C-alpha atoms as a PDB file:
ATOM      1  CA  UNK A   1      17.578   9.353   1.248  1.00  0.00           C
ATOM      2  CA  UNK A   2      18.613   8.787  -2.323  1.00  0.00           C
ATOM      3  CA  UNK A   3      19.372  11.901  -4.334  1.00  0.00           C
ATOM      4  CA  UNK A   4      17.214  12.598  -7.342  1.00  0.00           C
ATOM      5  CA  UNK A   5      17.589  15.333  -9.908  1.00  0.00           C
ATOM      6  CA  UNK A   6      14.711  17.388 -11.318  1.00  0.00           C
ATOM      7  CA  UNK A   7      14.326  15.072 -14.326  1.00  0.00           C
ATOM      8  CA  UNK A   8      14.065  11.959 -12.123  1.00  0.00           C
ATOM      9  CA  UNK A   9      11.452  13.730 -10.001  1.00  0.00           C
ATOM     10  CA  UNK A  10       9.492  14.706 -13.117  1.00  0.00           C
ATOM     11  CA  UNK A  11       9.560  11.112 -14.404  1.00  0.00           C
ATOM     12  CA  UNK A  12       8.446   9.751 -11.032  1.00  0.00           C
ATOM     13  CA  UNK A  13       5.604  12.261 -10.689  1.00  0.00           C
ATOM     14  CA  UNK A  14       4.396  11.550 -14.241  1.00  0.00           C
ATOM     15  CA  UNK A  15       4.470   7.787 -13.645  1.00  0.00           C
ATOM     16  CA  UNK A  16       2.623   8.146 -10.330  1.00  0.00           C
ATOM     17  CA  UNK A  17      -0.163   9.981 -12.160  1.00  0.00           C
ATOM     18  CA  UNK A  18      -0.203   7.515 -15.062  1.00  0.00           C
ATOM     19  CA  UNK A  19       1.791   4.307 -14.675  1.00  0.00           C
ATOM     20  CA  UNK A  20       0.893   3.337 -18.251  1.00  0.00           C
ATOM     21  CA  UNK A  21       2.469   6.458 -19.755  1.00  0.00           C
ATOM     22  CA  UNK A  22       4.507   5.453 -22.781  1.00  0.00           C
ATOM     23  CA  UNK A  23       8.220   6.122 -22.743  1.00  0.00           C
ATOM     24  CA  UNK A  24       7.997   8.313 -25.837  1.00  0.00           C
ATOM     25  CA  UNK A  25       5.467  10.510 -24.011  1.00  0.00           C
ATOM     26  CA  UNK A  26       7.785  10.633 -20.976  1.00  0.00           C
ATOM     27  CA  UNK A  27      10.608  11.667 -23.308  1.00  0.00           C
ATOM     28  CA  UNK A  28       8.447  14.441 -24.751  1.00  0.00           C
ATOM     29  CA  UNK A  29       7.389  15.677 -21.283  1.00  0.00           C
ATOM     30  CA  UNK A  30      10.975  15.712 -19.954  1.00  0.00           C
ATOM     31  CA  UNK A  31      12.802  16.874 -23.089  1.00  0.00           C
ATOM     32  CA  UNK A  32      14.957  13.726 -23.111  1.00  0.00           C
ATOM     33  CA  UNK A  33      15.518  11.193 -25.847  1.00  0.00           C
ATOM     34  CA  UNK A  34      13.696   7.869 -25.675  1.00  0.00           C
ATOM     35  CA  UNK A  35      16.929   5.959 -24.827  1.00  0.00           C
ATOM     36  CA  UNK A  36      17.748   8.499 -22.083  1.00  0.00           C
ATOM     37  CA  UNK A  37      14.283   8.091 -20.503  1.00  0.00           C
ATOM     38  CA  UNK A  38      14.582   4.304 -20.724  1.00  0.00           C
ATOM     39  CA  UNK A  39      17.986   4.411 -19.027  1.00  0.00           C
ATOM     40  CA  UNK A  40      16.731   6.659 -16.226  1.00  0.00           C
ATOM     41  CA  UNK A  41      13.749   4.386 -15.629  1.00  0.00           C
ATOM     42  CA  UNK A  42      16.037   1.353 -15.571  1.00  0.00           C
ATOM     43  CA  UNK A  43      18.250   3.061 -12.969  1.00  0.00           C
ATOM     44  CA  UNK A  44      15.243   4.110 -10.856  1.00  0.00           C
ATOM     45  CA  UNK A  45      14.028   0.512 -10.943  1.00  0.00           C
ATOM     46  CA  UNK A  46      17.499  -0.872 -10.125  1.00  0.00           C
ATOM     47  CA  UNK A  47      17.789   1.494  -7.135  1.00  0.00           C
ATOM     48  CA  UNK A  48      14.414   0.248  -5.901  1.00  0.00           C
ATOM     49  CA  UNK A  49      12.768   3.670  -6.154  1.00  0.00           C
ATOM     50  CA  UNK A  50      10.297   2.273  -8.687  1.00  0.00           C
ATOM     51  CA  UNK A  51       9.215  -1.031  -7.160  1.00  0.00           C
ATOM     52  CA  UNK A  52       6.585  -2.028  -9.712  1.00  0.00           C
ATOM     53  CA  UNK A  53       3.664  -1.071 -11.904  1.00  0.00           C
ATOM     54  CA  UNK A  54       0.114  -2.021 -10.966  1.00  0.00           C
ATOM     55  CA  UNK A  55      -3.470  -1.543 -11.997  1.00  0.00           C
ATOM     56  CA  UNK A  56      -5.681   0.268  -9.483  1.00  0.00           C
ATOM     57  CA  UNK A  57      -8.961  -1.616  -9.157  1.00  0.00           C
ATOM     58  CA  UNK A  58     -12.382  -0.411  -8.042  1.00  0.00           C
ATOM     59  CA  UNK A  59     -13.085  -2.664  -5.047  1.00  0.00           C
ATOM     60  CA  UNK A  60     -16.810  -1.903  -4.924  1.00  0.00           C
ATOM     61  CA  UNK A  61     -17.282  -2.935  -8.555  1.00  0.00           C
ATOM     62  CA  UNK A  62     -15.608  -6.223  -7.646  1.00  0.00           C
ATOM     63  CA  UNK A  63     -17.996  -6.848  -4.747  1.00  0.00           C
ATOM     64  CA  UNK A  64     -15.615  -5.734  -1.987  1.00  0.00           C
ATOM     65  CA  UNK A  65     -17.770  -3.187  -0.214  1.00  0.00           C
ATOM     66  CA  UNK A  66     -16.541  -3.180   3.409  1.00  0.00           C
ATOM     67  CA  UNK A  67     -13.283  -1.424   4.234  1.00  0.00           C
ATOM     68  CA  UNK A  68     -12.180  -1.520   7.864  1.00  0.00           C
ATOM     69  CA  UNK A  69      -9.181  -0.746  10.016  1.00  0.00           C
ATOM     70  CA  UNK A  70      -8.494  -3.123  12.871  1.00  0.00           C
ATOM     71  CA  UNK A  71      -6.184  -2.352  15.768  1.00  0.00           C
ATOM     72  CA  UNK A  72      -4.715  -5.598  17.056  1.00  0.00           C
ATOM     73  CA  UNK A  73      -3.097  -6.011  20.460  1.00  0.00           C
ATOM     74  CA  UNK A  74      -0.716  -8.897  20.981  1.00  0.00           C
ATOM     75  CA  UNK A  75       0.325  -9.848  24.476  1.00  0.00           C
ATOM     76  CA  UNK A  76       3.995 -10.290  23.755  1.00  0.00           C
ATOM     77  CA  UNK A  77       6.513  -9.823  20.953  1.00  0.00           C
ATOM     78  CA  UNK A  78       7.134 -13.588  21.082  1.00  0.00           C
ATOM     79  CA  UNK A  79       3.852 -13.899  19.122  1.00  0.00           C
ATOM     80  CA  UNK A  80       5.100 -11.616  16.345  1.00  0.00           C
ATOM     81  CA  UNK A  81       6.049 -14.448  13.948  1.00  0.00           C
ATOM     82  CA  UNK A  82       2.596 -16.014  14.377  1.00  0.00           C
ATOM     83  CA  UNK A  83       0.954 -12.675  13.645  1.00  0.00           C
ATOM     84  CA  UNK A  84       3.031 -12.196  10.492  1.00  0.00           C
ATOM     85  CA  UNK A  85       2.239 -15.710   9.272  1.00  0.00           C
ATOM     86  CA  UNK A  86      -1.493 -15.234   9.806  1.00  0.00           C
ATOM     87  CA  UNK A  87      -1.522 -11.799   8.149  1.00  0.00           C
ATOM     88  CA  UNK A  88       0.245 -13.165   5.073  1.00  0.00           C
ATOM     89  CA  UNK A  89      -2.291 -16.015   4.827  1.00  0.00           C
ATOM     90  CA  UNK A  90      -5.358 -13.716   4.787  1.00  0.00           C
ATOM     91  CA  UNK A  91      -5.987 -12.164   1.341  1.00  0.00           C
ATOM     92  CA  UNK A  92      -8.595  -9.790   2.794  1.00  0.00           C
ATOM     93  CA  UNK A  93      -5.883  -8.100   4.871  1.00  0.00           C
ATOM     94  CA  UNK A  94      -4.448  -5.502   2.512  1.00  0.00           C
ATOM     95  CA  UNK A  95      -1.937  -3.913   4.873  1.00  0.00           C
ATOM     96  CA  UNK A  96      -0.373  -4.562   8.264  1.00  0.00           C
ATOM     97  CA  UNK A  97       1.557  -1.898  10.153  1.00  0.00           C
ATOM     98  CA  UNK A  98       3.365  -2.064  13.508  1.00  0.00           C
ATOM     99  CA  UNK A  99       2.151   1.020  15.380  1.00  0.00           C
ATOM    100  CA  UNK A 100       2.337   2.926  18.630  1.00  0.00           C
ATOM    101  CA  UNK A 101      -0.768   3.746  20.620  1.00  0.00           C
ATOM    102  CA  UNK A 102      -3.722   1.504  21.458  1.00  0.00           C
ATOM    103  CA  UNK A 103      -2.700  -1.641  19.620  1.00  0.00           C
ATOM    104  CA  UNK A 104       0.554  -3.124  18.440  1.00  0.00           C
ATOM    105  CA  UNK A 105      -0.560  -3.489  14.811  1.00  0.00           C
ATOM    106  CA  UNK A 106      -3.014  -1.814  12.466  1.00  0.00           C
ATOM    107  CA  UNK A 107      -4.653  -3.872   9.727  1.00  0.00           C
ATOM    108  CA  UNK A 108      -6.407  -2.535   6.637  1.00  0.00           C
ATOM    109  CA  UNK A 109      -9.100  -5.019   5.668  1.00  0.00           C
ATOM    110  CA  UNK A 110     -11.342  -5.274   2.605  1.00  0.00           C
ATOM    111  CA  UNK A 111     -14.265  -7.717   2.672  1.00  0.00           C
ATOM    112  CA  UNK A 112     -17.409  -8.367   0.664  1.00  0.00           C
ATOM    113  CA  UNK A 113     -19.867  -7.616   3.458  1.00  0.00           C
ATOM    114  CA  UNK A 114     -20.221  -7.282   7.222  1.00  0.00           C
ATOM    115  CA  UNK A 115     -20.666 -11.053   7.602  1.00  0.00           C
ATOM    116  CA  UNK A 116     -17.275 -11.545   5.938  1.00  0.00           C
ATOM    117  CA  UNK A 117     -15.743  -8.934   8.235  1.00  0.00           C
ATOM    118  CA  UNK A 118     -17.241 -10.642  11.279  1.00  0.00           C
ATOM    119  CA  UNK A 119     -15.780 -14.024  10.228  1.00  0.00           C
ATOM    120  CA  UNK A 120     -12.346 -12.522   9.631  1.00  0.00           C
ATOM    121  CA  UNK A 121     -12.434 -10.723  13.003  1.00  0.00           C
ATOM    122  CA  UNK A 122     -13.349 -13.997  14.671  1.00  0.00           C
ATOM    123  CA  UNK A 123     -10.293 -15.658  13.101  1.00  0.00           C
ATOM    124  CA  UNK A 124      -8.011 -12.765  14.076  1.00  0.00           C
ATOM    125  CA  UNK A 125      -9.226 -12.858  17.676  1.00  0.00           C
ATOM    126  CA  UNK A 126      -8.306 -16.560  17.855  1.00  0.00           C
ATOM    127  CA  UNK A 127      -4.716 -16.011  16.694  1.00  0.00           C
ATOM    128  CA  UNK A 128      -2.183 -17.012  19.326  1.00  0.00           C
ATOM    129  CA  UNK A 129      -1.164 -14.005  21.412  1.00  0.00           C
ATOM    130  CA  UNK A 130      -3.978 -11.653  20.320  1.00  0.00           C
ATOM    131  CA  UNK A 131      -5.404 -10.034  23.442  1.00  0.00           C
ATOM    132  CA  UNK A 132      -7.864  -7.682  21.766  1.00  0.00           C
ATOM    133  CA  UNK A 133      -9.022  -5.856  18.671  1.00  0.00           C
ATOM    134  CA  UNK A 134     -10.710  -2.541  17.962  1.00  0.00           C
ATOM    135  CA  UNK A 135     -12.451  -2.234  14.591  1.00  0.00           C
ATOM    136  CA  UNK A 136     -13.389   0.907  12.677  1.00  0.00           C
ATOM    137  CA  UNK A 137     -15.547   0.448   9.571  1.00  0.00           C
ATOM    138  CA  UNK A 138     -15.048   3.066   6.857  1.00  0.00           C
ATOM    139  CA  UNK A 139     -18.264   4.849   5.892  1.00  0.00           C
ATOM    140  CA  UNK A 140     -16.771   6.925   3.074  1.00  0.00           C
ATOM    141  CA  UNK A 141     -13.341   7.834   1.764  1.00  0.00           C
ATOM    142  CA  UNK A 142     -12.380  11.445   1.094  1.00  0.00           C
ATOM    143  CA  UNK A 143      -8.831  10.764  -0.084  1.00  0.00           C
ATOM    144  CA  UNK A 144      -6.914   7.609  -0.861  1.00  0.00           C
ATOM    145  CA  UNK A 145      -3.659   7.549  -2.767  1.00  0.00           C
ATOM    146  CA  UNK A 146      -0.543   5.504  -3.233  1.00  0.00           C
ATOM    147  CA  UNK A 147       1.390   8.511  -4.581  1.00  0.00           C
ATOM    148  CA  UNK A 148       4.478   9.465  -2.608  1.00  0.00           C
ATOM    149  CA  UNK A 149       5.111  13.210  -2.293  1.00  0.00           C
ATOM    150  CA  UNK A 150       8.466  13.995  -3.868  1.00  0.00           C
ATOM    151  CA  UNK A 151      10.440  17.120  -3.097  1.00  0.00           C
ATOM    152  CA  UNK A 152      10.775  19.163  -6.279  1.00  0.00           C
ATOM    153  CA  UNK A 153      13.942  20.823  -4.906  1.00  0.00           C
ATOM    154  CA  UNK A 154      16.641  18.123  -4.931  1.00  0.00           C
END
């Protein structure tokens, strides 16, 4: 793990809450000068700790109403490259994780409706090496975050 001091942690926590926070506001919140905040942010970016800045969109307002998690089983690791290629080609697949347990991979999928989910599942089930899928459709979401907990005691 990379070492961070209290000021770095404060900057990271502030940016996770509001990625559009202006540097002068960050300087005020941390007690640093504007150039010092800019330099720290540059270093955090260069170290790869800050990997980007993004807008968080409301999927439902954009017509993406069905969120599902799909466990995928592949018969052999020799099909891994095919799986990766297919996952990268499908914009409705938001995430893909290699996992232990029932399947070999867990996909997070966002579609417009159940018909769209059914079509995507049909494509996934035809991928070379896929031996089965288990789908869970999300009814409601209690908590969803991209914030990473950061230890305040470096």
